[in-house]
Amino acid sequence: MGQFDPAGIAVRLVTAGLFDRYVVYERRGSWWVAGGQLGSVELYRDAVRTVWPGARVATTRVGRGHLADELAAALHAMPLARWRAYGWVAFEFALAAAGRPLADPDQRLAHVVVPLAEVKIRSDAVDVRCSDGPLLTRILHLVTTPAPVVLRAPCPLDVEAVDPESYLGAVEATVRRIRRGELEKVILSRRLAVPFDVDFAGTYRLGRAAHTPARSFLLDLPGLRAAGFSPEILAEVTSAGWVTTQPLAGTRERTGDERVDVGNQMDLRTDPKEIYEHAVSVKLADAELRTICAAATVSVRDFMSIKSRGSVHHLGSCVRGRLRAGRSGWDALAVLFPAVTASGIPKAPAYDAIAAYERTPRGLYSGAILRASYDGSLDAALVLRTVYTQDGAAWLRAGAGIVAASEPAREYRETCEKLASVAPYLVPAAREPAPP
């Protein structure tokens, strides 16, 4: 038995009023709470805005390199040693990098912070890095003082509350394009509004208990809040230069009934449409890694295994390789982003097909949450199975992979199955008491 409840401690720290901004990031039994800010990098199409200790603010023009290079250069230029950074990258980061127009030219494409305090929590240990003495004392008190767990009741959302006709029509039109040979695959998503203010920490705590994510996260940075249970690793890069990506494609509902789930998994493994969708995704991920890794080191592992994530089962594979000399984790992010399983094949034409139907920017949806370090390591999770709030609105979003054999009704049903990973666990924000 462990001494600590990592998710509970993480939620307690971020709800205690210690930080004006934070990122919680979970990976393989460890939770990191990155709170406050020593420095930050914000990336736009034409500019990089940096804030470093002493409130020194600088805005520079974007050069001719990839936008991932701009992020890397800004972080490595900061006046801080042994830094670690946390933040997010929007889906439209890829459009800007590919020279595609943006619906909002002023859209923020990435925001990464170097925290004032970093707390790593496992079931058997807690490590704290903090440059502020009083803050360190408060963190240690919260970590070591027992506190009751209070979970407020959720307000489940009906995932079929929106008329499906628009989505069904978009799938039909996209299938026609694919059959004409214009594309191989496109992920089309639909957005579902949440009609109440969300308690993000409460939703994260409740939802995490019901999930088996590859990564999970809780985010509160200026202008954006999110809580999510990522099913998929976009890029895991070690300090020694090994890169792993984990494309998931192919979906069946996960019911909790063992007999039904075994049948759904068998159906998933043998469905020609799902196998094709998965295989072409793995093929592209392999080709992308070969552009930056030594060819002899690139391999596919654990091919087409079942990954159970929240309310669905997926087909999953791992593609792994070692970076060539002179390449970095930021190069891995550049070639793998956006995930093939959330964009399409080929990627650039898929962007146009997505924009034709979805019309509004995706933002964080199908982007990435990341953790990066001075030592060259980088960990980026694909942002799916997430609740978001921005500009006074809250929403969920889910998509399905459209290929030549897609049936519109089934693809719509798949979006419902994915939305059900988050919709039952939405906790409304507590109302302020009425004045006497």
Protein backbone atom coordinates (compact mmCIF):
# COMPACT_ATOMS: atom_id res chain seq x y z
CA MET A 1 0.00 0.00 0.00
CA GLY A 2 1.24 3.47 -0.85
CA GLN A 3 1.51 6.28 1.65
CA PHE A 4 0.16 8.95 -0.67
CA ASP A 5 -2.86 9.45 -2.95
CA PRO A 6 -1.18 11.16 -5.94
CA ALA A 7 -4.32 12.37 -7.74
CA GLY A 8 -5.86 13.54 -4.47
CA ILE A 9 -2.74 15.46 -3.44
CA ALA A 10 -2.45 17.03 -6.88
CA VAL A 11 -6.04 18.26 -6.73
CA ARG A 12 -5.58 19.48 -3.17
CA LEU A 13 -2.52 21.52 -4.15
CA VAL A 14 -4.17 23.25 -7.10
CA THR A 15 -7.39 24.05 -5.23
CA ALA A 16 -5.65 25.52 -2.18
CA GLY A 17 -5.11 28.94 -3.73
CA LEU A 18 -1.33 28.57 -3.93
CA PHE A 19 -0.97 29.20 -7.65
CA ASP A 20 -2.37 31.71 -10.13
CA ARG A 21 -1.71 29.15 -12.88
CA TYR A 22 -0.82 25.49 -12.99
CA VAL A 23 -0.47 22.30 -15.00
CA VAL A 24 -1.00 18.81 -13.58
CA TYR A 25 0.53 16.05 -15.72
CA GLU A 26 0.32 12.32 -15.06
CA ARG A 27 2.59 9.69 -16.60
CA ARG A 28 2.93 6.05 -15.54
CA GLY A 29 2.11 6.36 -11.86
CA SER A 30 3.68 9.78 -11.32
CA TRP A 31 1.86 13.09 -11.10
CA TRP A 32 3.60 16.42 -11.55
CA VAL A 33 2.06 19.65 -10.27
CA ALA A 34 3.71 22.63 -11.95
CA GLY A 35 2.48 25.76 -10.18
CA GLY A 36 3.12 29.46 -10.61
CA GLN A 37 5.53 30.91 -13.13
CA LEU A 38 9.21 31.70 -13.31
CA GLY A 39 9.12 32.14 -17.06
CA SER A 40 6.91 31.53 -20.06
CA VAL A 41 6.85 31.26 -23.84
CA GLU A 42 3.79 32.10 -25.94
CA LEU A 43 3.88 31.30 -29.64
CA TYR A 44 1.88 33.03 -32.37
CA ARG A 45 2.04 32.67 -36.12
CA ASP A 46 4.44 35.58 -36.55
CA ALA A 47 5.84 36.19 -33.08
CA VAL A 48 7.25 34.62 -29.93
CA ARG A 49 6.55 36.31 -26.60
CA THR A 50 8.82 35.42 -23.68
CA VAL A 51 8.64 36.41 -20.02
CA TRP A 52 11.62 35.59 -17.83
CA PRO A 53 12.51 36.27 -14.16
CA GLY A 54 12.39 39.93 -13.25
CA ALA A 55 9.31 40.43 -15.45
CA ARG A 56 11.50 40.96 -18.52
CA VAL A 57 9.17 40.67 -21.51
CA ALA A 58 10.41 40.24 -25.07
CA THR A 59 8.56 39.80 -28.34
CA THR A 60 10.50 38.58 -31.36
CA ARG A 61 9.54 37.80 -34.92
CA VAL A 62 9.26 34.18 -35.98
CA GLY A 63 12.11 33.14 -38.28
CA ARG A 64 12.15 30.73 -41.18
CA GLY A 65 12.48 27.54 -39.15
CA HIS A 66 9.71 25.26 -37.96
CA LEU A 67 7.57 26.68 -35.15
CA ALA A 68 8.79 23.85 -32.91
CA ASP A 69 12.30 25.24 -33.37
CA GLU A 70 11.06 28.62 -32.17
CA LEU A 71 9.72 27.07 -28.98
CA ALA A 72 12.94 25.17 -28.40
CA ALA A 73 15.13 28.21 -29.03
CA ALA A 74 13.11 30.38 -26.65
CA LEU A 75 13.28 27.81 -23.85
CA HIS A 76 17.00 27.15 -24.25
CA ALA A 77 17.70 30.90 -24.24
CA MET A 78 16.07 31.48 -20.88
CA PRO A 79 18.27 32.60 -17.95
CA LEU A 80 17.44 29.50 -15.91
CA ALA A 81 19.48 26.34 -15.46
CA ARG A 82 18.06 22.82 -15.26
CA TRP A 83 14.61 24.03 -16.26
CA ARG A 84 11.50 21.98 -16.86
CA ALA A 85 8.53 23.36 -18.75
CA TYR A 86 4.85 22.47 -19.02
CA GLY A 87 2.17 23.66 -21.39
CA TRP A 88 0.05 23.12 -24.47
CA VAL A 89 0.16 23.26 -28.25
CA ALA A 90 -2.95 24.01 -30.34
CA PHE A 91 -3.97 21.96 -33.37
CA GLU A 92 -3.54 25.08 -35.53
CA PHE A 93 0.19 25.05 -34.70
CA ALA A 94 0.39 22.49 -37.52
CA LEU A 95 -1.56 24.66 -39.95
CA ALA A 96 0.71 27.64 -39.33
CA ALA A 97 3.82 25.46 -39.67
CA ALA A 98 2.49 24.16 -43.01
CA GLY A 99 1.78 27.68 -44.28
CA ARG A 100 -2.00 27.22 -44.13
CA PRO A 101 -4.20 30.25 -43.34
CA LEU A 102 -5.62 30.56 -39.85
CA ALA A 103 -9.25 31.46 -39.19
CA ASP A 104 -7.95 33.69 -36.40
CA PRO A 105 -4.56 35.19 -37.40
CA ASP A 106 -3.98 36.27 -33.79
CA GLN A 107 -4.62 32.81 -32.33
CA ARG A 108 -2.19 31.70 -29.64
CA LEU A 109 -0.61 28.49 -30.94
CA ALA A 110 1.34 27.37 -27.88
CA HIS A 111 1.86 28.39 -24.27
CA VAL A 112 4.59 26.85 -22.12
CA VAL A 113 5.59 27.85 -18.58
CA VAL A 114 8.58 27.16 -16.37
CA PRO A 115 6.94 26.80 -12.95
CA LEU A 116 7.80 28.47 -9.68
CA ALA A 117 7.13 25.18 -7.89
CA GLU A 118 7.19 21.61 -9.17
CA VAL A 119 5.84 18.75 -7.08
CA LYS A 120 6.30 15.14 -8.21
CA ILE A 121 3.93 12.75 -6.46
CA ARG A 122 4.01 8.96 -6.41
CA SER A 123 2.23 6.59 -4.08
CA ASP A 124 5.44 6.14 -2.04
CA ALA A 125 7.17 9.53 -2.28
CA VAL A 126 6.77 13.25 -2.90
CA ASP A 127 9.57 15.42 -4.31
CA VAL A 128 9.33 19.22 -4.25
CA ARG A 129 11.33 21.84 -6.13
CA CYS A 130 10.49 25.40 -5.16
CA SER A 131 12.38 28.70 -5.22
CA ASP A 132 10.08 30.42 -2.71
CA GLY A 133 10.52 29.53 1.00
CA PRO A 134 7.03 30.40 2.30
CA LEU A 135 5.41 28.66 -0.65
CA LEU A 136 7.52 25.56 -0.01
CA THR A 137 6.31 25.51 3.60
CA ARG A 138 2.67 25.67 2.52
CA ILE A 139 3.16 22.91 -0.06
CA LEU A 140 4.78 20.59 2.48
CA HIS A 141 1.97 21.24 4.97
CA LEU A 142 -0.70 20.34 2.40
CA VAL A 143 1.17 17.20 1.31
CA THR A 144 1.73 15.85 4.81
CA THR A 145 -1.51 16.85 6.54
CA PRO A 146 -4.37 14.34 6.16
CA ALA A 147 -7.57 15.75 4.72
CA PRO A 148 -10.96 14.19 3.96
CA VAL A 149 -11.79 13.52 0.32
CA VAL A 150 -14.95 15.32 -0.74
CA LEU A 151 -16.28 14.35 -4.16
CA ARG A 152 -19.24 16.39 -5.37
CA ALA A 153 -21.90 14.79 -7.54
CA PRO A 154 -21.55 15.08 -11.32
CA CYS A 155 -24.13 16.37 -13.76
CA PRO A 156 -23.92 13.94 -16.71
CA LEU A 157 -24.33 15.37 -20.20
CA ASP A 158 -26.42 13.79 -22.96
CA VAL A 159 -23.90 13.03 -25.74
CA GLU A 160 -26.68 12.87 -28.33
CA ALA A 161 -28.16 16.25 -27.47
CA VAL A 162 -27.12 17.72 -30.85
CA ASP A 163 -28.87 16.89 -34.13
CA PRO A 164 -26.54 14.47 -35.96
CA GLU A 165 -27.55 15.45 -39.50
CA SER A 166 -24.73 17.92 -40.03
CA TYR A 167 -22.12 15.39 -38.92
CA LEU A 168 -23.65 12.58 -40.97
CA GLY A 169 -23.62 14.79 -44.05
CA ALA A 170 -19.99 15.73 -43.53
CA VAL A 171 -19.00 12.07 -43.24
CA GLU A 172 -20.87 11.22 -46.45
CA ALA A 173 -19.16 14.05 -48.34
CA THR A 174 -15.74 13.07 -46.99
CA VAL A 175 -16.19 9.42 -47.92
CA ARG A 176 -16.90 10.53 -51.50
CA ARG A 177 -13.65 12.52 -51.55
CA ILE A 178 -11.71 9.56 -50.22
CA ARG A 179 -13.20 7.23 -52.81
CA ARG A 180 -12.14 9.71 -55.51
CA GLY A 181 -8.57 9.29 -54.28
CA GLU A 182 -8.15 12.79 -52.79
CA LEU A 183 -7.39 11.44 -49.30
CA GLU A 184 -6.91 8.19 -47.43
CA LYS A 185 -8.28 9.21 -44.04
CA VAL A 186 -9.71 12.26 -42.26
CA ILE A 187 -10.72 12.72 -38.64
CA LEU A 188 -13.90 14.77 -38.40
CA SER A 189 -14.99 15.95 -34.97
CA ARG A 190 -18.10 17.43 -33.44
CA ARG A 191 -18.38 19.82 -30.53
CA LEU A 192 -20.87 19.47 -27.68
CA ALA A 193 -21.59 22.50 -25.50
CA VAL A 194 -21.61 22.12 -21.71
CA PRO A 195 -24.47 24.32 -20.43
CA PHE A 196 -22.97 25.06 -17.00
CA ASP A 197 -19.74 26.23 -15.39
CA VAL A 198 -17.44 23.29 -14.69
CA ASP A 199 -15.49 22.42 -11.56
CA PHE A 200 -12.38 21.27 -13.41
CA ALA A 201 -10.52 19.88 -10.41
CA GLY A 202 -13.60 17.97 -9.25
CA THR A 203 -14.22 16.64 -12.76
CA TYR A 204 -10.60 15.56 -13.07
CA ARG A 205 -10.64 13.72 -9.73
CA LEU A 206 -13.92 11.96 -10.45
CA GLY A 207 -13.12 11.16 -14.07
CA ARG A 208 -9.60 9.92 -13.37
CA ALA A 209 -10.95 7.29 -10.98
CA ALA A 210 -12.95 5.80 -13.88
CA HIS A 211 -10.20 5.93 -16.52
CA THR A 212 -7.11 4.05 -17.66
CA PRO A 213 -5.42 6.85 -19.64
CA ALA A 214 -2.02 6.87 -21.28
CA ARG A 215 -1.62 10.33 -19.73
CA SER A 216 -3.94 12.64 -17.80
CA PHE A 217 -3.81 16.36 -17.14
CA LEU A 218 -5.44 19.31 -15.42
CA LEU A 219 -4.66 22.73 -16.85
CA ASP A 220 -5.32 26.30 -15.73
CA LEU A 221 -3.27 28.81 -17.70
CA PRO A 222 -4.31 32.33 -18.72
CA GLY A 223 -7.24 32.15 -21.10
CA LEU A 224 -7.69 28.38 -21.05
CA ARG A 225 -8.73 25.64 -18.64
CA ALA A 226 -9.01 21.92 -19.36
CA ALA A 227 -9.18 18.51 -17.71
CA GLY A 228 -8.46 15.43 -19.76
CA PHE A 229 -7.65 11.74 -19.93
CA SER A 230 -5.44 11.29 -22.97
CA PRO A 231 -5.68 7.86 -24.58
CA GLU A 232 -2.56 8.28 -26.70
CA ILE A 233 1.11 9.22 -26.46
CA LEU A 234 2.02 11.61 -29.25
CA ALA A 235 5.76 11.66 -28.50
CA GLU A 236 7.81 10.32 -25.62
CA VAL A 237 11.47 11.29 -26.03
CA THR A 238 14.16 10.23 -23.56
CA SER A 239 17.31 12.22 -22.79
CA ALA A 240 19.21 9.47 -24.66
CA GLY A 241 17.25 10.25 -27.85
CA TRP A 242 14.79 7.36 -28.03
CA VAL A 243 11.40 8.40 -29.45
CA THR A 244 8.14 6.50 -28.98
CA THR A 245 4.78 7.33 -30.49
CA GLN A 246 1.61 5.31 -29.93
CA PRO A 247 -1.01 5.65 -32.67
CA LEU A 248 -4.47 4.45 -31.64
CA ALA A 249 -7.03 3.93 -34.39
CA GLY A 250 -10.02 1.63 -34.49
CA THR A 251 -12.72 1.88 -31.83
CA ARG A 252 -15.41 -0.15 -30.10
CA GLU A 253 -17.53 0.66 -27.07
CA ARG A 254 -16.34 -0.44 -23.63
CA THR A 255 -19.41 -1.40 -21.58
CA GLY A 256 -18.04 -2.86 -18.34
CA ASP A 257 -19.83 -6.13 -19.08
CA GLU A 258 -16.98 -8.63 -19.54
CA ARG A 259 -18.88 -10.85 -21.98
CA VAL A 260 -19.93 -7.93 -24.17
CA ASP A 261 -16.48 -6.34 -24.05
CA VAL A 262 -14.72 -9.54 -25.11
CA GLY A 263 -17.07 -9.69 -28.09
CA ASN A 264 -16.46 -6.02 -28.92
CA GLN A 265 -12.70 -6.54 -28.76
CA MET A 266 -12.90 -9.54 -31.07
CA ASP A 267 -15.05 -7.56 -33.49
CA LEU A 268 -12.51 -4.72 -33.39
CA ARG A 269 -9.60 -7.05 -34.14
CA THR A 270 -11.36 -8.55 -37.18
CA ASP A 271 -13.20 -5.59 -38.73
CA PRO A 272 -11.54 -4.80 -42.12
CA LYS A 273 -12.39 -1.09 -41.89
CA GLU A 274 -10.87 -0.72 -38.41
CA ILE A 275 -7.77 -2.76 -39.32
CA TYR A 276 -7.19 -0.65 -42.44
CA GLU A 277 -7.66 2.61 -40.51
CA HIS A 278 -5.15 1.46 -37.93
CA ALA A 279 -2.59 0.07 -40.38
CA VAL A 280 -2.38 3.25 -42.49
CA SER A 281 -1.95 5.31 -39.32
CA VAL A 282 0.94 3.14 -38.14
CA LYS A 283 2.50 3.26 -41.61
CA LEU A 284 2.55 7.08 -41.57
CA ALA A 285 3.92 7.24 -38.00
CA ASP A 286 6.72 4.87 -39.06
CA ALA A 287 7.51 7.01 -42.11
CA GLU A 288 7.56 10.19 -40.01
CA LEU A 289 10.02 8.76 -37.48
CA ARG A 290 12.30 7.61 -40.29
CA THR A 291 12.80 11.24 -41.31
CA ILE A 292 14.55 12.04 -38.01
CA CYS A 293 15.70 8.66 -36.64
CA ALA A 294 18.40 6.24 -37.72
CA ALA A 295 16.54 3.90 -40.08
CA ALA A 296 17.92 0.73 -38.50
CA THR A 297 16.49 1.74 -35.11
CA VAL A 298 12.87 2.31 -36.22
CA SER A 299 10.49 -0.53 -35.43
CA VAL A 300 6.82 -1.22 -34.75
CA ARG A 301 6.09 -2.94 -31.46
CA ASP A 302 2.97 -4.30 -29.83
CA PHE A 303 1.19 -4.07 -33.18
CA MET A 304 -2.59 -3.82 -33.12
CA SER A 305 -3.03 -4.66 -29.45
CA ILE A 306 -6.17 -3.73 -27.54
CA LYS A 307 -5.93 -0.56 -25.45
CA SER A 308 -8.90 0.05 -23.16
CA ARG A 309 -9.31 3.78 -22.53
CA GLY A 310 -12.28 5.07 -20.57
CA SER A 311 -15.50 4.24 -22.40
CA VAL A 312 -13.88 2.67 -25.48
CA HIS A 313 -11.44 0.01 -26.69
CA HIS A 314 -8.87 0.96 -29.33
CA LEU A 315 -6.41 -0.82 -31.55
CA GLY A 316 -2.96 0.44 -30.53
CA SER A 317 0.62 0.09 -31.70
CA CYS A 318 3.98 1.58 -30.67
CA VAL A 319 6.49 2.96 -33.16
CA ARG A 320 9.97 3.57 -31.79
CA GLY A 321 13.31 4.86 -33.06
CA ARG A 322 16.47 6.66 -31.98
CA LEU A 323 17.11 10.21 -33.09
CA ARG A 324 19.95 10.81 -35.51
CA ALA A 325 22.81 13.04 -34.41
CA GLY A 326 21.77 16.68 -34.39
CA ARG A 327 18.07 15.90 -33.97
CA SER A 328 16.06 16.65 -30.82
CA GLY A 329 12.76 15.97 -29.15
CA TRP A 330 11.45 19.18 -30.72
CA ASP A 331 12.17 17.67 -34.15
CA ALA A 332 10.10 14.67 -33.07
CA LEU A 333 7.24 16.97 -32.09
CA ALA A 334 7.52 18.77 -35.43
CA VAL A 335 7.22 15.63 -37.57
CA LEU A 336 4.64 13.78 -35.46
CA PHE A 337 2.36 16.76 -34.76
CA PRO A 338 -0.56 16.70 -35.16
CA ALA A 339 -1.13 13.05 -34.42
CA VAL A 340 -2.10 11.12 -37.55
CA THR A 341 -4.97 9.64 -35.52
CA ALA A 342 -6.46 13.12 -35.01
CA SER A 343 -5.78 14.72 -38.39
CA GLY A 344 -5.64 12.46 -41.44
CA ILE A 345 -3.62 11.04 -44.33
CA PRO A 346 -2.03 12.89 -46.06
CA LYS A 347 -2.01 15.47 -43.31
CA ALA A 348 -1.98 18.69 -45.34
CA PRO A 349 -5.05 17.90 -47.49
CA ALA A 350 -6.75 16.59 -44.35
CA TYR A 351 -6.42 20.05 -42.77
CA ASP A 352 -8.53 21.48 -45.59
CA ALA A 353 -11.18 18.77 -45.25
CA ILE A 354 -11.37 19.40 -41.50
CA ALA A 355 -11.68 23.17 -41.97
CA ALA A 356 -14.44 22.73 -44.56
CA TYR A 357 -16.68 20.97 -42.06
CA GLU A 358 -15.61 22.16 -38.62
CA ARG A 359 -15.29 25.86 -39.60
CA THR A 360 -14.11 27.03 -36.17
CA PRO A 361 -10.58 26.49 -34.79
CA ARG A 362 -9.99 23.29 -32.83
CA GLY A 363 -7.57 25.00 -30.43
CA LEU A 364 -6.41 22.55 -27.78
CA TYR A 365 -8.57 19.69 -29.09
CA SER A 366 -6.29 17.22 -30.95
CA GLY A 367 -3.32 19.36 -29.98
CA ALA A 368 -0.91 18.35 -27.22
CA ILE A 369 -0.14 18.78 -23.55
CA LEU A 370 3.60 18.54 -22.99
CA ARG A 371 6.36 18.35 -20.44
CA ALA A 372 9.90 19.21 -21.58
CA SER A 373 13.29 19.42 -19.87
CA TYR A 374 16.72 20.99 -20.27
CA ASP A 375 18.16 17.46 -20.65
CA GLY A 376 16.43 16.88 -24.00
CA SER A 377 13.58 14.73 -22.76
CA LEU A 378 10.07 15.59 -23.89
CA ASP A 379 6.69 14.00 -23.25
CA ALA A 380 3.64 15.05 -25.26
CA ALA A 381 0.14 13.63 -24.93
CA LEU A 382 -2.57 13.89 -27.57
CA VAL A 383 -5.46 16.02 -26.26
CA LEU A 384 -8.65 13.98 -26.54
CA ARG A 385 -11.29 12.91 -23.95
CA THR A 386 -11.17 16.40 -22.47
CA VAL A 387 -13.47 19.14 -21.20
CA TYR A 388 -12.44 22.71 -22.09
CA THR A 389 -13.42 26.25 -21.18
CA GLN A 390 -12.39 29.45 -22.92
CA ASP A 391 -13.98 32.86 -23.42
CA GLY A 392 -16.88 31.99 -21.12
CA ALA A 393 -17.89 28.76 -22.89
CA ALA A 394 -17.34 25.12 -21.91
CA TRP A 395 -17.48 22.14 -24.26
CA LEU A 396 -16.53 18.57 -25.12
CA ARG A 397 -15.31 17.39 -28.51
CA ALA A 398 -14.79 14.03 -30.16
CA GLY A 399 -14.11 12.74 -33.64
CA ALA A 400 -13.93 9.59 -35.74
CA GLY A 401 -11.55 8.41 -38.43
CA ILE A 402 -13.22 8.50 -41.83
CA VAL A 403 -11.95 6.11 -44.53
CA ALA A 404 -13.43 4.74 -47.76
CA ALA A 405 -15.36 2.01 -45.93
CA SER A 406 -16.85 4.35 -43.31
CA GLU A 407 -20.57 4.28 -42.61
CA PRO A 408 -21.84 7.68 -41.39
CA ALA A 409 -24.16 6.27 -38.69
CA ARG A 410 -21.36 4.16 -37.23
CA GLU A 411 -18.92 7.10 -37.22
CA TYR A 412 -21.48 9.25 -35.42
CA ARG A 413 -21.99 6.44 -32.88
CA GLU A 414 -18.23 6.33 -32.35
CA THR A 415 -18.19 10.03 -31.42
CA CYS A 416 -20.91 9.28 -28.85
CA GLU A 417 -18.86 6.44 -27.38
CA LYS A 418 -15.83 8.71 -27.05
CA LEU A 419 -17.77 11.63 -25.57
CA ALA A 420 -19.02 9.19 -22.93
CA SER A 421 -15.47 9.04 -21.55
CA VAL A 422 -15.98 12.51 -20.04
CA ALA A 423 -19.70 13.39 -20.18
CA PRO A 424 -20.75 11.30 -17.10
CA TYR A 425 -18.13 12.92 -14.83
CA LEU A 426 -18.76 16.64 -15.33
CA VAL A 427 -18.97 18.31 -11.94
CA PRO A 428 -20.73 21.71 -11.92
CA ALA A 429 -18.85 24.58 -10.31
CA ALA A 430 -20.09 25.44 -6.84
CA ARG A 431 -22.46 28.37 -6.80
CA GLU A 432 -21.57 31.39 -4.73
CA PRO A 433 -23.97 31.73 -1.78
CA ALA A 434 -26.70 34.28 -2.30
CA PRO A 435 -26.25 37.52 -0.34
CA PRO A 436 -28.36 37.76 2.83
